[in-house]
């Protein structure tokens, strides 16, 4: 089964992350089959100062 990597801005609560991984795991099982135990999800919290879009750091966006 898949390994899913999610990069997102820091600041989510543990409860939000728990709900996210449960929902994604269920979606993978429903769509691809297999067991939930075989779905790996890696969450990476990234500071806004370490992420840029369109040549601008998110920490500098207004």
C-alpha atoms as a PDB file:
ATOM      1  CA  UNK A   1       0.000   0.000   0.000  1.00  0.00           C
ATOM      2  CA  UNK A   2       1.051   3.602  -0.307  1.00  0.00           C
ATOM      3  CA  UNK A   3       3.115   5.961   1.732  1.00  0.00           C
ATOM      4  CA  UNK A   4       1.551   9.401   1.662  1.00  0.00           C
ATOM      5  CA  UNK A   5       3.575  12.495   2.473  1.00  0.00           C
ATOM      6  CA  UNK A   6       1.844  15.695   3.524  1.00  0.00           C
ATOM      7  CA  UNK A   7       3.788  18.949   3.801  1.00  0.00           C
ATOM      8  CA  UNK A   8       1.839  21.704   5.524  1.00  0.00           C
ATOM      9  CA  UNK A   9       2.320  24.862   7.493  1.00  0.00           C
ATOM     10  CA  UNK A  10       2.899  24.288  11.180  1.00  0.00           C
ATOM     11  CA  UNK A  11       0.182  25.139  13.654  1.00  0.00           C
ATOM     12  CA  UNK A  12      -2.282  22.264  13.407  1.00  0.00           C
ATOM     13  CA  UNK A  13      -3.292  20.666  16.671  1.00  0.00           C
ATOM     14  CA  UNK A  14      -2.634  16.997  17.413  1.00  0.00           C
ATOM     15  CA  UNK A  15      -6.406  16.452  17.208  1.00  0.00           C
ATOM     16  CA  UNK A  16      -6.545  17.983  13.710  1.00  0.00           C
ATOM     17  CA  UNK A  17      -3.660  15.776  12.588  1.00  0.00           C
ATOM     18  CA  UNK A  18      -5.312  12.710  14.094  1.00  0.00           C
ATOM     19  CA  UNK A  19      -8.540  13.459  12.216  1.00  0.00           C
ATOM     20  CA  UNK A  20      -6.637  14.120   8.984  1.00  0.00           C
ATOM     21  CA  UNK A  21      -4.728  10.837   9.016  1.00  0.00           C
ATOM     22  CA  UNK A  22      -7.855   8.869   9.897  1.00  0.00           C
ATOM     23  CA  UNK A  23      -9.788  10.432   7.005  1.00  0.00           C
ATOM     24  CA  UNK A  24      -6.982   9.953   4.485  1.00  0.00           C
ATOM     25  CA  UNK A  25      -6.379   6.380   5.586  1.00  0.00           C
ATOM     26  CA  UNK A  26     -10.066   5.574   5.192  1.00  0.00           C
ATOM     27  CA  UNK A  27     -10.170   7.219   1.762  1.00  0.00           C
ATOM     28  CA  UNK A  28      -7.196   5.119   0.615  1.00  0.00           C
ATOM     29  CA  UNK A  29      -8.744   1.895   1.912  1.00  0.00           C
ATOM     30  CA  UNK A  30     -12.107   2.743   0.314  1.00  0.00           C
ATOM     31  CA  UNK A  31     -10.507   3.638  -3.014  1.00  0.00           C
ATOM     32  CA  UNK A  32      -7.627   1.172  -3.335  1.00  0.00           C
ATOM     33  CA  UNK A  33      -8.657  -1.627  -1.016  1.00  0.00           C
ATOM     34  CA  UNK A  34      -6.307  -3.271   1.427  1.00  0.00           C
ATOM     35  CA  UNK A  35      -5.991  -2.754   5.154  1.00  0.00           C
ATOM     36  CA  UNK A  36      -5.640   0.484   7.074  1.00  0.00           C
ATOM     37  CA  UNK A  37      -2.569  -0.951   8.806  1.00  0.00           C
ATOM     38  CA  UNK A  38      -0.682  -0.881   5.524  1.00  0.00           C
ATOM     39  CA  UNK A  39      -1.217   2.840   4.832  1.00  0.00           C
ATOM     40  CA  UNK A  40       1.682   5.039   5.965  1.00  0.00           C
ATOM     41  CA  UNK A  41       1.289   8.802   6.281  1.00  0.00           C
ATOM     42  CA  UNK A  42       4.178  11.170   6.971  1.00  0.00           C
ATOM     43  CA  UNK A  43       3.248  14.645   8.198  1.00  0.00           C
ATOM     44  CA  UNK A  44       5.828  17.410   7.919  1.00  0.00           C
ATOM     45  CA  UNK A  45       5.224  20.752   9.617  1.00  0.00           C
ATOM     46  CA  UNK A  46       6.955  23.569   7.787  1.00  0.00           C
ATOM     47  CA  UNK A  47       7.503  27.101   9.024  1.00  0.00           C
ATOM     48  CA  UNK A  48       6.104  29.812   6.752  1.00  0.00           C
ATOM     49  CA  UNK A  49       9.630  31.227   6.483  1.00  0.00           C
ATOM     50  CA  UNK A  50      10.709  27.957   4.812  1.00  0.00           C
ATOM     51  CA  UNK A  51       7.998  27.880   2.121  1.00  0.00           C
ATOM     52  CA  UNK A  52       7.687  30.137  -0.899  1.00  0.00           C
ATOM     53  CA  UNK A  53       5.214  30.451  -3.726  1.00  0.00           C
ATOM     54  CA  UNK A  54       5.682  32.695  -6.722  1.00  0.00           C
ATOM     55  CA  UNK A  55       9.054  33.881  -5.457  1.00  0.00           C
ATOM     56  CA  UNK A  56       7.666  35.125  -2.144  1.00  0.00           C
ATOM     57  CA  UNK A  57       8.052  33.579   1.292  1.00  0.00           C
ATOM     58  CA  UNK A  58       4.745  32.843   2.981  1.00  0.00           C
ATOM     59  CA  UNK A  59       6.061  34.541   6.105  1.00  0.00           C
ATOM     60  CA  UNK A  60       6.180  37.813   4.119  1.00  0.00           C
ATOM     61  CA  UNK A  61       2.744  37.558   2.511  1.00  0.00           C
ATOM     62  CA  UNK A  62       0.204  40.044   3.773  1.00  0.00           C
END
